[in-house]
C-alpha atoms as a PDB file:
ATOM      1  CA  MET A   1     110.153  90.613  87.187  1.00  0.00           C
ATOM      2  CA  GLU A   2     106.407  90.607  86.498  1.00  0.00           C
ATOM      3  CA  ILE A   3     105.609  91.453  90.134  1.00  0.00           C
ATOM      4  CA  GLU A   4     108.010  94.399  89.996  1.00  0.00           C
ATOM      5  CA  LYS A   5     106.332  95.697  86.839  1.00  0.00           C
ATOM      6  CA  ASN A   6     102.882  95.308  88.406  1.00  0.00           C
ATOM      7  CA  ASN A   7     104.021  97.193  91.505  1.00  0.00           C
ATOM      8  CA  ARG A   8     105.570  99.957  89.424  1.00  0.00           C
ATOM      9  CA  VAL A   9     102.496 100.389  87.226  1.00  0.00           C
ATOM     10  CA  ASN A  10     100.227 100.441  90.281  1.00  0.00           C
ATOM     11  CA  SER A  11     102.470 103.060  91.909  1.00  0.00           C
ATOM     12  CA  LEU A  12     102.489 105.184  88.764  1.00  0.00           C
ATOM     13  CA  LEU A  13      98.730 104.824  88.589  1.00  0.00           C
ATOM     14  CA  GLU A  14      98.380 106.215  92.110  1.00  0.00           C
ATOM     15  CA  PHE A  15     100.209 109.375  91.092  1.00  0.00           C
ATOM     16  CA  TYR A  16      98.960 109.915  87.548  1.00  0.00           C
ATOM     17  CA  GLU A  17      95.519 108.295  87.469  1.00  0.00           C
ATOM     18  CA  GLN A  18      93.734 111.629  87.133  1.00  0.00           C
ATOM     19  CA  LEU A  19      95.628 112.354  83.913  1.00  0.00           C
ATOM     20  CA  LEU A  20      94.239 109.297  82.119  1.00  0.00           C
ATOM     21  CA  THR A  21      91.038 109.009  80.142  1.00  0.00           C
ATOM     22  CA  PRO A  22      88.223 107.010  81.763  1.00  0.00           C
ATOM     23  CA  LYS A  23      88.784 104.074  79.390  1.00  0.00           C
ATOM     24  CA  GLN A  24      92.556 104.044  80.026  1.00  0.00           C
ATOM     25  CA  LYS A  25      91.937 104.187  83.756  1.00  0.00           C
ATOM     26  CA  GLU A  26      89.393 101.352  83.659  1.00  0.00           C
ATOM     27  CA  TYR A  27      91.473  98.985  81.536  1.00  0.00           C
ATOM     28  CA  ILE A  28      94.736  99.488  83.373  1.00  0.00           C
ATOM     29  CA  THR A  29      93.112  99.310  86.804  1.00  0.00           C
ATOM     30  CA  LEU A  30      91.316  96.101  85.946  1.00  0.00           C
ATOM     31  CA  TYR A  31      94.473  94.559  84.492  1.00  0.00           C
ATOM     32  CA  TYR A  32      97.124  95.647  87.007  1.00  0.00           C
ATOM     33  CA  ALA A  33      95.232  96.356  90.226  1.00  0.00           C
ATOM     34  CA  ASP A  34      92.328  93.911  89.989  1.00  0.00           C
ATOM     35  CA  ASP A  35      94.234  91.147  88.146  1.00  0.00           C
ATOM     36  CA  TYR A  36      91.725  90.707  85.317  1.00  0.00           C
ATOM     37  CA  SER A  37      92.922  88.900  82.202  1.00  0.00           C
ATOM     38  CA  LEU A  38      92.850  90.516  78.783  1.00  0.00           C
ATOM     39  CA  GLY A  39      89.997  88.171  77.870  1.00  0.00           C
ATOM     40  CA  GLU A  40      87.929  89.169  80.893  1.00  0.00           C
ATOM     41  CA  ILE A  41      88.368  92.855  80.135  1.00  0.00           C
ATOM     42  CA  SER A  42      87.554  92.365  76.455  1.00  0.00           C
ATOM     43  CA  GLU A  43      84.345  90.509  77.348  1.00  0.00           C
ATOM     44  CA  GLU A  44      83.288  93.190  79.793  1.00  0.00           C
ATOM     45  CA  PHE A  45      83.762  96.012  77.283  1.00  0.00           C
ATOM     46  CA  TYR A  46      82.796  94.105  74.122  1.00  0.00           C
ATOM     47  CA  VAL A  47      86.126  94.732  72.387  1.00  0.00           C
ATOM     48  CA  SER A  48      88.876  92.448  71.140  1.00  0.00           C
ATOM     49  CA  ARG A  49      91.673  91.210  73.372  1.00  0.00           C
ATOM     50  CA  GLN A  50      94.079  92.970  71.009  1.00  0.00           C
ATOM     51  CA  ALA A  51      92.294  96.297  71.550  1.00  0.00           C
ATOM     52  CA  VAL A  52      92.588  95.854  75.321  1.00  0.00           C
ATOM     53  CA  TYR A  53      96.250  94.858  75.028  1.00  0.00           C
ATOM     54  CA  ASP A  54      97.060  97.847  72.828  1.00  0.00           C
ATOM     55  CA  ASN A  55      95.252 100.239  75.159  1.00  0.00           C
ATOM     56  CA  ILE A  56      97.061  98.897  78.229  1.00  0.00           C
ATOM     57  CA  LYS A  57     100.444  98.952  76.517  1.00  0.00           C
ATOM     58  CA  ARG A  58      99.882 102.555  75.371  1.00  0.00           C
ATOM     59  CA  THR A  59      98.692 103.587  78.824  1.00  0.00           C
ATOM     60  CA  VAL A  60     101.776 102.158  80.517  1.00  0.00           C
ATOM     61  CA  LYS A  61     103.927 104.176  78.117  1.00  0.00           C
ATOM     62  CA  ILE A  62     101.903 107.278  78.948  1.00  0.00           C
ATOM     63  CA  LEU A  63     102.357 106.703  82.683  1.00  0.00           C
ATOM     64  CA  GLU A  64     106.113 106.236  82.211  1.00  0.00           C
ATOM     65  CA  LYS A  65     106.261 109.441  80.159  1.00  0.00           C
ATOM     66  CA  TYR A  66     104.489 111.366  82.913  1.00  0.00           C
ATOM     67  CA  GLU A  67     106.990 109.996  85.418  1.00  0.00           C
ATOM     68  CA  GLN A  68     109.943 110.981  83.198  1.00  0.00           C
ATOM     69  CA  GLN A  69     108.618 114.520  83.059  1.00  0.00           C
ATOM     70  CA  LEU A  70     107.214 115.018  86.565  1.00  0.00           C
ATOM     71  CA  HIS A  71     109.191 112.581  88.774  1.00  0.00           C
ATOM     72  CA  LEU A  72     106.400 112.268  91.356  1.00  0.00           C
ATOM     73  CA  LEU A  73     107.064 108.590  92.093  1.00  0.00           C
ATOM     74  CA  ARG A  74     110.849 109.008  92.144  1.00  0.00           C
ATOM     75  CA  ASN A  75     110.600 111.972  94.531  1.00  0.00           C
ATOM     76  CA  PHE A  76     108.148 110.110  96.756  1.00  0.00           C
ATOM     77  CA  GLU A  77     110.473 107.109  96.977  1.00  0.00           C
ATOM     78  CA  ALA A  78     113.456 109.368  97.751  1.00  0.00           C
ATOM     79  CA  ARG A  79     111.522 111.120 100.527  1.00  0.00           C
ATOM     80  CA  ASN A  80     110.499 107.759 101.977  1.00  0.00           C
ATOM     81  CA  ALA A  81     114.092 106.515 101.965  1.00  0.00           C
ATOM     82  CA  LYS A  82     115.253 109.667 103.778  1.00  0.00           C
ATOM     83  CA  PHE A  83     112.408 109.380 106.255  1.00  0.00           C
ATOM     84  CA  ASP A  84     113.317 105.746 106.954  1.00  0.00           C
ATOM     85  CA  ARG A  85     116.917 106.773 107.678  1.00  0.00           C
ATOM     86  CA  ILE A  86     115.721 109.491 110.050  1.00  0.00           C
ATOM     87  CA  GLN A  87     113.420 107.050 111.845  1.00  0.00           C
ATOM     88  CA  ALA A  88     116.245 104.534 112.236  1.00  0.00           C
ATOM     89  CA  TYR A  89     118.549 107.241 113.575  1.00  0.00           C
ATOM     90  CA  VAL A  90     115.949 108.465 116.073  1.00  0.00           C
ATOM     91  CA  ALA A  91     115.229 104.914 117.222  1.00  0.00           C
ATOM     92  CA  LYS A  92     118.942 104.311 117.785  1.00  0.00           C
ATOM     93  CA  LYS A  93     120.021 107.664 119.275  1.00  0.00           C
ATOM     94  CA  TYR A  94     116.809 108.883 120.930  1.00  0.00           C
ATOM     95  CA  PRO A  95     114.776 105.799 121.870  1.00  0.00           C
ATOM     96  CA  GLU A  96     113.127 107.508 124.861  1.00  0.00           C
ATOM     97  CA  ASP A  97     112.173 110.790 123.163  1.00  0.00           C
ATOM     98  CA  THR A  98     108.408 110.417 122.784  1.00  0.00           C
ATOM     99  CA  GLN A  99     107.942 113.980 121.510  1.00  0.00           C
ATOM    100  CA  LEU A 100     110.383 113.398 118.642  1.00  0.00           C
ATOM    101  CA  LYS A 101     108.620 110.127 117.809  1.00  0.00           C
ATOM    102  CA  ARG A 102     105.283 111.971 117.761  1.00  0.00           C
ATOM    103  CA  PHE A 103     106.713 114.559 115.356  1.00  0.00           C
ATOM    104  CA  LEU A 104     107.881 111.773 113.067  1.00  0.00           C
ATOM    105  CA  ALA A 105     104.501 110.039 113.252  1.00  0.00           C
ATOM    106  CA  ASP A 106     102.758 113.317 112.358  1.00  0.00           C
ATOM    107  CA  LEU A 107     105.121 113.845 109.431  1.00  0.00           C
ATOM    108  CA  GLU A 108     104.508 110.299 108.201  1.00  0.00           C
ATOM    109  CA  GLN A 109     100.741 110.780 108.486  1.00  0.00           C
ATOM    110  CA  SER A 110     100.856 114.015 106.497  1.00  0.00           C
ATOM    111  CA  GLU A 111     102.800 112.283 103.714  1.00  0.00           C
ATOM    112  CA  GLU A 112     100.119 109.581 103.452  1.00  0.00           C
ATOM    113  CA  GLU A 113      97.343 112.134 103.080  1.00  0.00           C
END
């Protein structure tokens, strides 16, 4: 369960990071992406562990609110699922079609950019 939450928060952070304040971005990145403890973050910023905890908790709620309103992560995951189905279909029905595979590779590359 905890790993799933970490993955979700990191994914939300990828989409909505630019909408956070610098302090929100620093705390949540250190905690979820860099695996710092609350104590380590509080020492680094000279604040209480409770202040760090409250900031992180609030920031997660903010990220979830952005996702509820904008659906960037949900849409990205839906596109990826559709793309995976197309790739599987092409691999099964058109295994020798190198041009079609190149088109799919280009499309995948453009999605990553």
